[in-house]
Protein backbone atom coordinates (compact mmCIF):
# COMPACT_ATOMS: atom_id res chain seq x y z
CA MET A 1 -124.90 101.27 -47.40
CA THR A 2 -126.17 102.06 -43.95
CA PHE A 3 -125.54 100.07 -40.79
CA ASP A 4 -126.87 100.18 -37.25
CA LYS A 5 -125.32 102.97 -35.18
CA ASN A 6 -123.91 100.37 -32.77
CA PHE A 7 -122.14 98.43 -35.52
CA VAL A 8 -118.41 98.25 -34.69
CA TRP A 9 -115.92 99.50 -37.29
CA GLY A 10 -112.28 98.72 -36.70
CA CYS A 11 -108.84 97.73 -37.93
CA ALA A 12 -106.69 94.77 -36.87
CA THR A 13 -103.02 93.82 -36.45
CA SER A 14 -100.94 91.30 -34.50
CA SER A 15 -97.97 91.65 -32.19
CA TYR A 16 -95.19 89.88 -34.11
CA GLN A 17 -96.20 91.53 -37.37
CA ILE A 18 -95.86 95.12 -36.18
CA GLU A 19 -94.22 95.54 -32.77
CA GLY A 20 -90.54 94.90 -33.41
CA ALA A 21 -88.44 95.38 -30.26
CA HIS A 22 -87.96 91.63 -30.36
CA ASN A 23 -85.29 91.37 -27.67
CA ILE A 24 -85.45 94.49 -25.52
CA ASP A 25 -87.09 95.40 -22.20
CA GLY A 26 -87.15 91.80 -21.05
CA LYS A 27 -89.05 90.20 -23.94
CA GLY A 28 -88.23 86.53 -24.48
CA PRO A 29 -87.93 84.82 -27.88
CA SER A 30 -90.99 83.32 -29.57
CA ILE A 31 -91.24 80.46 -32.04
CA TRP A 32 -91.49 83.08 -34.79
CA ASP A 33 -88.22 84.69 -33.71
CA ALA A 34 -86.62 81.25 -34.04
CA PHE A 35 -88.38 80.28 -37.27
CA CYS A 36 -87.34 83.50 -39.00
CA SER A 37 -83.70 82.78 -38.16
CA ILE A 38 -83.69 79.66 -40.37
CA PRO A 39 -82.40 80.59 -43.85
CA GLY A 40 -84.98 80.14 -46.58
CA LYS A 41 -88.06 79.89 -44.37
CA ILE A 42 -89.13 83.50 -44.94
CA ASN A 43 -89.21 85.37 -48.24
CA ASP A 44 -86.00 87.41 -48.62
CA ASN A 45 -85.03 86.11 -45.14
CA ASP A 46 -87.12 88.91 -43.61
CA ASN A 47 -88.02 88.90 -39.92
CA GLY A 48 -90.06 90.80 -37.35
CA ASN A 49 -87.10 92.07 -35.33
CA VAL A 50 -88.05 95.67 -36.12
CA ALA A 51 -91.14 95.31 -38.33
CA ASN A 52 -93.16 98.54 -37.98
CA ASP A 53 -91.49 99.48 -34.69
CA HIS A 54 -94.97 99.89 -33.22
CA TYR A 55 -93.44 99.27 -29.78
CA HIS A 56 -91.86 102.71 -29.95
CA ARG A 57 -94.36 104.42 -32.27
CA PHE A 58 -97.68 103.30 -30.79
CA LYS A 59 -98.81 106.82 -29.86
CA ASP A 60 -98.42 107.99 -33.44
CA ASP A 61 -100.25 104.88 -34.65
CA VAL A 62 -103.15 105.48 -32.26
CA LYS A 63 -103.41 109.03 -33.57
CA ILE A 64 -103.73 107.62 -37.10
CA LEU A 65 -106.48 105.28 -35.93
CA LYS A 66 -108.29 108.20 -34.30
CA ASP A 67 -108.04 110.24 -37.49
CA MET A 68 -109.57 107.32 -39.38
CA GLY A 69 -112.52 107.39 -37.02
CA VAL A 70 -112.52 103.69 -36.11
CA ASP A 71 -114.52 102.55 -33.09
CA ALA A 72 -112.14 99.73 -32.18
CA TYR A 73 -108.61 98.47 -32.67
CA ARG A 74 -107.88 94.76 -32.55
CA PHE A 75 -104.32 93.89 -31.56
CA SER A 76 -102.64 90.88 -30.01
CA ILE A 77 -100.46 90.63 -26.94
CA SER A 78 -97.05 89.00 -27.23
CA TRP A 79 -97.05 86.18 -24.67
CA ALA A 80 -93.22 86.27 -24.53
CA ARG A 81 -93.28 89.99 -23.78
CA ILE A 82 -95.46 89.34 -20.72
CA LEU A 83 -93.87 86.04 -19.61
CA PRO A 84 -90.47 85.68 -21.32
CA ASP A 85 -90.36 81.90 -20.72
CA GLY A 86 -94.09 81.46 -21.15
CA LYS A 87 -94.44 80.94 -17.41
CA GLY A 88 -92.87 82.12 -14.20
CA GLU A 89 -92.04 85.73 -13.43
CA VAL A 90 -93.96 88.55 -15.11
CA ASN A 91 -92.01 91.06 -17.19
CA LYS A 92 -93.03 94.48 -15.82
CA LYS A 93 -91.85 96.32 -18.93
CA GLY A 94 -94.17 94.20 -21.05
CA ILE A 95 -97.11 94.97 -18.78
CA GLU A 96 -96.18 98.66 -18.94
CA PHE A 97 -96.20 98.69 -22.74
CA TYR A 98 -99.67 97.19 -23.08
CA ASN A 99 -101.02 99.35 -20.25
CA ASN A 100 -99.78 102.41 -22.10
CA LEU A 101 -101.23 101.22 -25.42
CA ILE A 102 -104.65 100.47 -23.88
CA ASP A 103 -104.72 103.79 -22.06
CA GLU A 104 -103.76 105.66 -25.22
CA LEU A 105 -106.55 103.97 -27.18
CA LEU A 106 -109.15 104.76 -24.53
CA LYS A 107 -107.94 108.36 -24.28
CA ASN A 108 -108.65 108.68 -28.00
CA GLY A 109 -112.08 107.07 -27.85
CA ILE A 110 -111.03 103.73 -29.35
CA LYS A 111 -112.06 100.42 -27.78
CA PRO A 112 -109.27 97.84 -27.44
CA TRP A 113 -110.08 94.36 -28.75
CA VAL A 114 -107.35 92.11 -27.36
CA THR A 115 -106.27 88.81 -28.91
CA LEU A 116 -104.34 86.69 -26.44
CA TYR A 117 -102.66 84.42 -28.99
CA HIS A 118 -101.77 85.25 -32.57
CA TRP A 119 -99.30 82.39 -33.18
CA ASP A 120 -96.20 83.68 -31.31
CA LEU A 121 -95.72 80.97 -28.66
CA PRO A 122 -92.80 81.60 -26.26
CA LEU A 123 -89.88 79.55 -27.56
CA ALA A 124 -89.17 78.08 -24.13
CA LEU A 125 -92.54 76.30 -24.14
CA GLN A 126 -91.79 74.79 -27.55
CA LEU A 127 -88.40 73.54 -26.41
CA GLU A 128 -89.40 72.37 -22.93
CA HIS A 129 -92.93 71.09 -23.53
CA SER A 130 -93.21 70.53 -27.33
CA GLY A 131 -95.56 73.50 -27.54
CA TRP A 132 -99.17 72.76 -28.45
CA LEU A 133 -98.44 69.05 -28.81
CA SER A 134 -98.45 68.92 -25.01
CA ARG A 135 -101.37 69.32 -22.63
CA ASP A 136 -98.95 71.15 -20.31
CA THR A 137 -99.16 74.16 -22.62
CA ILE A 138 -102.87 74.45 -21.84
CA LYS A 139 -102.22 75.27 -18.18
CA HIS A 140 -99.44 77.67 -19.13
CA PHE A 141 -101.74 79.47 -21.55
CA VAL A 142 -104.46 79.78 -18.90
CA HIS A 143 -101.90 81.25 -16.49
CA TYR A 144 -100.76 83.73 -19.15
CA ALA A 145 -104.38 84.66 -19.93
CA GLU A 146 -105.10 85.26 -16.24
CA THR A 147 -102.04 87.49 -16.03
CA CYS A 148 -103.53 89.60 -18.84
CA PHE A 149 -107.00 89.63 -17.25
CA LYS A 150 -105.51 90.82 -13.94
CA HIS A 151 -103.51 93.65 -15.46
CA PHE A 152 -105.76 94.81 -18.32
CA GLY A 153 -109.22 93.46 -17.59
CA ASP A 154 -110.40 96.60 -15.82
CA ARG A 155 -110.23 98.48 -19.15
CA VAL A 156 -110.61 95.78 -21.82
CA ASP A 157 -114.16 94.64 -22.56
CA ASN A 158 -113.48 92.51 -25.62
CA TRP A 159 -111.21 89.46 -25.55
CA ILE A 160 -110.28 86.88 -28.18
CA THR A 161 -108.50 83.77 -26.94
CA PHE A 162 -107.04 82.46 -30.21
CA ASN A 163 -106.66 83.83 -33.69
CA GLU A 164 -107.11 81.21 -36.43
CA PRO A 165 -106.24 78.00 -34.58
CA TRP A 166 -106.54 76.30 -37.98
CA VAL A 167 -103.31 78.06 -39.00
CA VAL A 168 -101.48 76.85 -35.89
CA ALA A 169 -102.61 73.28 -36.56
CA ILE A 170 -102.27 73.01 -40.35
CA LEU A 171 -99.63 75.55 -41.40
CA GLY A 172 -97.57 75.16 -38.22
CA HIS A 173 -97.86 71.39 -37.67
CA GLY A 174 -99.18 69.97 -40.94
CA VAL A 175 -97.23 71.47 -43.85
CA GLY A 176 -94.63 73.28 -41.75
CA VAL A 177 -94.58 76.60 -43.61
CA PHE A 178 -95.32 78.55 -40.40
CA ALA A 179 -93.67 78.30 -36.99
CA PRO A 180 -92.82 75.93 -35.42
CA GLY A 181 -92.34 74.39 -38.86
CA ARG A 182 -93.44 70.81 -38.23
CA VAL A 183 -94.66 68.42 -40.95
CA SER A 184 -97.12 65.73 -39.97
CA LYS A 185 -100.37 64.00 -40.95
CA SER A 186 -101.46 63.50 -37.36
CA GLU A 187 -100.11 66.37 -35.27
CA PRO A 188 -102.63 68.95 -36.56
CA TYR A 189 -105.53 67.09 -34.96
CA LEU A 190 -103.80 66.82 -31.58
CA VAL A 191 -102.72 70.47 -31.65
CA ALA A 192 -106.25 71.60 -32.52
CA HIS A 193 -107.61 69.50 -29.66
CA HIS A 194 -105.34 71.21 -27.16
CA LEU A 195 -106.12 74.67 -28.55
CA ILE A 196 -109.86 74.11 -28.16
CA LEU A 197 -109.39 72.91 -24.58
CA ALA A 198 -107.12 75.88 -23.78
CA HIS A 199 -109.77 78.21 -25.15
CA ALA A 200 -112.52 76.63 -23.05
CA GLU A 201 -110.46 76.58 -19.84
CA THR A 202 -109.58 80.24 -20.34
CA VAL A 203 -113.18 81.26 -20.94
CA LYS A 204 -114.27 79.40 -17.79
CA LEU A 205 -111.63 81.23 -15.76
CA TYR A 206 -112.63 84.59 -17.23
CA ARG A 207 -116.35 84.10 -16.67
CA GLU A 208 -115.92 82.95 -13.09
CA ASN A 209 -113.41 85.58 -11.98
CA TYR A 210 -113.00 88.53 -14.34
CA GLN A 211 -116.03 89.09 -16.57
CA ARG A 212 -117.84 92.37 -15.98
CA ASP A 213 -121.19 93.67 -17.26
CA GLY A 214 -120.78 94.31 -20.96
CA SER A 215 -117.48 92.45 -21.37
CA VAL A 216 -117.23 89.48 -23.71
CA ILE A 217 -114.79 86.74 -24.66
CA GLY A 218 -114.66 84.56 -27.76
CA ILE A 219 -112.46 82.99 -30.42
CA SER A 220 -111.71 83.98 -34.03
CA ASN A 221 -111.70 81.24 -36.64
CA ASN A 222 -110.79 81.63 -40.28
CA CYS A 223 -112.78 80.13 -43.13
CA ASP A 224 -113.14 80.56 -46.87
CA TRP A 225 -116.44 79.79 -48.54
CA ARG A 226 -116.74 76.50 -50.45
CA GLU A 227 -119.09 76.62 -53.41
CA PRO A 228 -120.04 73.30 -55.03
CA LEU A 229 -118.40 73.08 -58.46
CA THR A 230 -121.57 71.53 -59.91
CA ASN A 231 -125.07 70.70 -58.72
CA LYS A 232 -124.17 67.02 -58.48
CA VAL A 233 -124.89 65.53 -55.07
CA GLU A 234 -121.29 64.44 -54.61
CA ASP A 235 -119.99 68.00 -55.20
CA VAL A 236 -122.59 69.55 -52.88
CA GLU A 237 -121.54 67.06 -50.21
CA ALA A 238 -117.86 67.75 -50.90
CA ALA A 239 -118.36 71.50 -50.35
CA GLN A 240 -120.18 70.82 -47.09
CA ARG A 241 -117.50 68.36 -46.01
CA SER A 242 -114.78 70.89 -46.74
CA LEU A 243 -116.53 73.53 -44.61
CA GLU A 244 -116.89 71.09 -41.72
CA PHE A 245 -113.22 70.10 -41.90
CA PHE A 246 -112.31 73.80 -41.99
CA LEU A 247 -114.65 75.80 -39.76
CA GLY A 248 -116.68 73.03 -38.17
CA TRP A 249 -113.49 71.48 -36.82
CA PHE A 250 -113.20 74.35 -34.32
CA ALA A 251 -116.71 75.82 -34.18
CA ASP A 252 -118.76 72.62 -33.80
CA PRO A 253 -117.30 71.70 -30.38
CA ILE A 254 -118.07 75.22 -29.12
CA TYR A 255 -121.58 75.53 -30.54
CA LEU A 256 -122.73 71.91 -30.98
CA GLY A 257 -120.72 70.06 -28.36
CA ASP A 258 -118.35 67.87 -30.40
CA TYR A 259 -116.38 67.50 -33.61
CA PRO A 260 -118.36 67.19 -36.86
CA LYS A 261 -119.69 63.69 -37.50
CA VAL A 262 -117.94 63.51 -40.87
CA MET A 263 -114.56 64.14 -39.20
CA LYS A 264 -115.14 61.41 -36.62
CA GLU A 265 -116.20 58.95 -39.32
CA ARG A 266 -113.30 59.67 -41.64
CA LEU A 267 -110.51 60.07 -39.10
CA GLY A 268 -111.40 57.39 -36.57
CA GLU A 269 -108.74 57.07 -33.89
CA ARG A 270 -106.60 59.80 -35.48
CA LEU A 271 -109.08 62.38 -34.12
CA PRO A 272 -108.73 62.87 -30.35
CA LYS A 273 -111.89 62.50 -28.27
CA PHE A 274 -113.34 64.88 -25.71
CA THR A 275 -114.54 63.45 -22.41
CA LEU A 276 -118.11 64.21 -21.33
CA GLU A 277 -116.79 66.79 -18.87
CA GLU A 278 -114.69 68.44 -21.57
CA LYS A 279 -117.68 68.61 -23.92
CA LYS A 280 -119.66 70.43 -21.22
CA LEU A 281 -116.72 72.78 -20.63
CA ILE A 282 -116.33 73.59 -24.33
CA LYS A 283 -119.96 73.92 -25.42
CA GLY A 284 -121.10 77.52 -25.16
CA SER A 285 -117.60 78.84 -24.51
CA SER A 286 -117.82 81.87 -26.78
CA ASP A 287 -119.83 85.04 -26.34
CA PHE A 288 -119.58 85.83 -30.06
CA PHE A 289 -118.50 84.23 -33.32
CA GLY A 290 -115.23 85.75 -34.56
CA LEU A 291 -114.70 85.19 -38.29
CA ASN A 292 -111.67 85.93 -40.45
CA HIS A 293 -112.59 85.67 -44.12
CA TYR A 294 -110.77 86.49 -47.35
CA THR A 295 -111.80 84.34 -50.31
CA THR A 296 -113.88 81.59 -51.94
CA MET A 297 -113.10 78.42 -53.91
CA TYR A 298 -115.10 75.78 -55.75
CA ALA A 299 -115.18 72.32 -54.18
CA SER A 300 -115.72 68.98 -55.89
CA HIS A 301 -115.57 65.35 -54.86
CA ASP A 302 -112.25 63.78 -55.86
CA VAL A 303 -110.81 60.63 -54.31
CA SER A 304 -107.54 61.10 -56.20
CA VAL A 305 -106.47 64.14 -54.16
CA ASP A 306 -103.24 63.22 -52.39
CA GLY A 307 -101.75 65.95 -50.30
CA GLN A 308 -102.70 68.68 -52.76
CA ASN A 309 -104.59 71.84 -51.82
CA VAL A 310 -103.64 71.32 -48.19
CA TYR A 311 -103.57 75.10 -47.66
CA GLY A 312 -107.17 75.61 -48.67
CA ASN A 313 -108.99 72.50 -47.61
CA GLY A 314 -109.15 73.32 -43.95
CA GLY A 315 -107.50 70.03 -43.12
CA ILE A 316 -105.39 67.29 -44.59
CA SER A 317 -106.55 66.85 -48.17
CA GLU A 318 -106.62 63.09 -48.44
CA ASP A 319 -108.81 62.94 -45.32
CA GLN A 320 -111.54 64.78 -47.19
CA ASP A 321 -111.55 63.64 -50.84
CA VAL A 322 -112.14 67.23 -51.90
CA ALA A 323 -110.52 69.05 -54.81
CA LEU A 324 -110.51 72.84 -54.93
CA SER A 325 -110.55 75.16 -57.93
CA VAL A 326 -111.24 78.76 -58.91
CA SER A 327 -112.91 80.53 -61.81
CA PRO A 328 -110.56 82.24 -64.29
CA ASP A 329 -113.13 85.05 -64.48
CA TRP A 330 -112.55 86.08 -60.86
CA LYS A 331 -110.22 88.91 -59.84
CA PHE A 332 -107.26 87.84 -57.68
CA SER A 333 -105.21 89.61 -55.02
CA ASP A 334 -101.43 89.54 -54.78
CA MET A 335 -101.89 86.49 -52.53
CA LYS A 336 -103.65 84.78 -55.47
CA TRP A 337 -106.86 84.79 -53.43
CA ALA A 338 -110.02 85.26 -55.44
CA VAL A 339 -112.28 88.26 -54.87
CA VAL A 340 -115.77 86.78 -54.43
CA PRO A 341 -117.93 88.98 -52.17
CA TRP A 342 -120.99 86.75 -52.48
CA GLY A 343 -118.95 83.99 -50.84
CA LEU A 344 -118.86 85.98 -47.59
CA ARG A 345 -122.64 86.41 -47.65
CA LYS A 346 -123.13 82.67 -48.18
CA LEU A 347 -120.69 81.81 -45.39
CA LEU A 348 -122.40 84.15 -42.94
CA ASN A 349 -125.74 82.54 -43.75
CA TRP A 350 -124.19 79.07 -43.32
CA ILE A 351 -123.00 80.12 -39.86
CA LYS A 352 -126.44 81.51 -39.06
CA GLU A 353 -128.14 78.23 -39.96
CA ARG A 354 -125.62 75.84 -38.44
CA TYR A 355 -124.96 77.64 -35.16
CA ALA A 356 -128.37 79.16 -34.31
CA ASN A 357 -127.56 82.67 -35.49
CA PRO A 358 -124.88 83.83 -33.03
CA ASP A 359 -123.57 87.39 -32.82
CA VAL A 360 -120.81 87.57 -35.45
CA TYR A 361 -117.86 89.92 -35.76
CA ILE A 362 -115.70 89.83 -38.87
CA THR A 363 -112.37 90.17 -37.13
CA GLU A 364 -110.32 90.16 -40.36
CA ASN A 365 -111.07 90.91 -44.01
CA GLY A 366 -108.62 92.38 -46.49
CA TYR A 367 -106.78 92.47 -49.79
CA ALA A 368 -103.07 92.22 -50.63
CA ASP A 369 -101.70 94.26 -53.51
CA LYS A 370 -98.41 95.49 -54.94
CA ASP A 371 -98.65 99.05 -53.67
CA CYS A 372 -96.25 101.80 -54.57
CA ILE A 373 -96.09 105.55 -54.06
CA ILE A 374 -96.55 107.67 -57.19
CA ASN A 375 -96.34 111.43 -56.70
CA GLY A 376 -96.93 110.97 -53.01
CA GLU A 377 -100.14 108.94 -53.51
CA ILE A 378 -100.99 105.25 -53.27
CA ASP A 379 -103.82 104.50 -55.65
CA ASP A 380 -105.02 101.12 -54.40
CA GLN A 381 -108.34 101.08 -56.22
CA ASP A 382 -108.54 97.28 -56.17
CA ARG A 383 -108.28 97.21 -52.37
CA LEU A 384 -110.79 100.01 -52.04
CA GLU A 385 -113.24 98.09 -54.22
CA TYR A 386 -112.57 94.89 -52.28
CA HIS A 387 -113.52 96.44 -48.94
CA SER A 388 -116.49 98.23 -50.46
CA GLU A 389 -117.84 95.05 -52.06
CA TYR A 390 -117.27 92.86 -49.02
CA ILE A 391 -118.87 95.44 -46.72
CA GLU A 392 -121.84 95.47 -49.08
CA ALA A 393 -121.98 91.66 -48.68
CA CYS A 394 -122.03 92.27 -44.91
CA ARG A 395 -124.99 94.61 -45.31
CA ALA A 396 -126.80 92.07 -47.48
CA SER A 397 -126.21 89.34 -44.91
CA ILE A 398 -127.73 91.53 -42.21
CA ALA A 399 -130.77 91.92 -44.43
CA ASP A 400 -130.83 88.10 -44.57
CA GLY A 401 -131.16 88.05 -40.79
CA VAL A 402 -127.52 87.41 -39.84
CA ASN A 403 -126.58 88.93 -36.45
CA LEU A 404 -123.45 90.64 -37.78
CA ARG A 405 -122.20 93.18 -35.24
CA GLY A 406 -118.86 94.45 -36.49
CA TYR A 407 -116.15 94.56 -39.17
CA PHE A 408 -112.38 94.83 -38.74
CA ALA A 409 -110.29 95.60 -41.82
CA TRP A 410 -107.05 93.65 -42.15
CA SER A 411 -104.85 95.35 -41.75
CA PHE A 412 -104.33 98.76 -40.25
CA MET A 413 -100.97 99.11 -42.00
CA ASP A 414 -98.57 97.06 -44.10
CA ASN A 415 -96.56 94.71 -41.91
CA PHE A 416 -94.51 91.53 -41.69
CA GLU A 417 -96.71 89.04 -43.54
CA TRP A 418 -95.36 85.80 -42.02
CA ALA A 419 -93.65 83.51 -44.55
CA HIS A 420 -94.09 86.20 -47.23
CA GLY A 421 -92.03 88.66 -45.21
CA PHE A 422 -92.63 92.26 -46.25
CA SER A 423 -93.51 91.40 -49.84
CA LYS A 424 -97.30 91.24 -49.35
CA ARG A 425 -99.15 94.43 -48.46
CA PHE A 426 -102.58 94.26 -46.83
CA GLY A 427 -102.51 97.64 -45.07
CA LEU A 428 -104.85 100.58 -45.38
CA TYR A 429 -101.68 102.54 -44.65
CA TYR A 430 -98.52 102.12 -46.71
CA VAL A 431 -95.31 101.58 -44.74
CA ASP A 432 -91.86 102.31 -46.13
CA PHE A 433 -89.84 99.68 -44.29
CA ASN A 434 -86.65 101.69 -44.65
CA THR A 435 -87.95 104.89 -43.06
CA LEU A 436 -91.02 103.33 -41.36
CA GLU A 437 -93.10 106.27 -42.61
CA ARG A 438 -96.86 105.59 -42.64
CA VAL A 439 -98.74 106.94 -45.67
CA PRO A 440 -102.53 106.67 -46.13
CA LYS A 441 -103.69 104.75 -49.17
CA ASN A 442 -106.86 105.66 -51.02
CA SER A 443 -108.55 102.73 -49.30
CA ALA A 444 -107.76 104.31 -45.91
CA LYS A 445 -109.29 107.59 -47.00
CA TRP A 446 -112.36 105.77 -48.32
CA TYR A 447 -112.73 103.72 -45.13
CA ALA A 448 -112.46 106.86 -42.97
CA ALA A 449 -115.09 108.66 -45.05
CA PHE A 450 -117.33 105.61 -45.03
CA ILE A 451 -117.17 105.24 -41.22
CA LYS A 452 -117.88 108.96 -40.79
CA LYS A 453 -120.95 108.63 -42.99
CA GLN A 454 -122.25 105.71 -40.92
CA LYS A 455 -122.07 107.85 -37.78
CA LEU A 456 -124.02 110.80 -39.18
């Protein structure tokens, strides 16, 4: 497998999952700090109070990244570490931490890819403004983003506004398994609407005031591939409908100017409407297509679906009339996600055709497993094969004509995996959460050797 010499190879993490230091140096509480304090919400009642203690160990972690040979490191900024209440006075210690991290990365030849929002809304904004249910949060997000642009924009060339807004809408406000833990059939569509507008307003601000030659800004959406269960017309249409309710929900307004037609037809007044001015603001508001991808499922038409499969459908199930299934012949990760590399290739080609072949970066791709140390080694052959096979699907998609420009493995190291706590391990590096020791897995060694080979 050979890739263009300018292809970007990286690893990714997020602030709440690795930083720890949840209440020191002026950081305010986030909705995830609050959510984790509710008994029973998180597996084993884990939390991110300490997590990987990256806040104190970032120099050692950057050294590990350098030794791996990655070109780029994607991390997120904790909004509540920069603005403890989500607005108002800037926390200088928070600015200092991210300045030091960015400088350390650059000193070691690693490009920072900064995500502004990876789900950890300042708690004050949730309590005072109902979070993303309120349009007020849009202006507060834009102010926060500008604070980051002012302090870090001279050294950061790659910005991502939101990571997986689908998760914020559906898991946070639909089924309530993620912070802020709300359950609703209507809130997800309003939350998504505000997230898209916040993204567009932020991009406008960046382009008009902070963008430099060579710097880019975009958004990262998640999507699984939907393969029709049969060749029947109704199943082919169901698979397409599921993709539009999942990825099209967020990507269509940015690339095509409005929500997918099928969503407007099926949801009616439950789907908020963009004004003509908002459509102009949103369309074209991404310099690249960020994609987080992990798995594939079969889709079939089924009008009897009632609230089932809400995790995988990309929306509220009964709004779609789509049933999802998997093949028993597929391999599955510890997350029960199927390993289907050809699904990534098909999804990348779907994006190419639907959105006029934009530049694409895979900003997350990874495999969870039950890793353990045996004689000082972590033999994670299944993860190694996963990355190898999915990277081969990337290469094949490039041969298909897809403008794929980069790949970020999720994740750099084992971390706090949201509602699963520390029980799910995606990392290329193993972390002992008692000692916080980082140990390379075989997949990390393979990835390092693979990147080195690409650079020869």
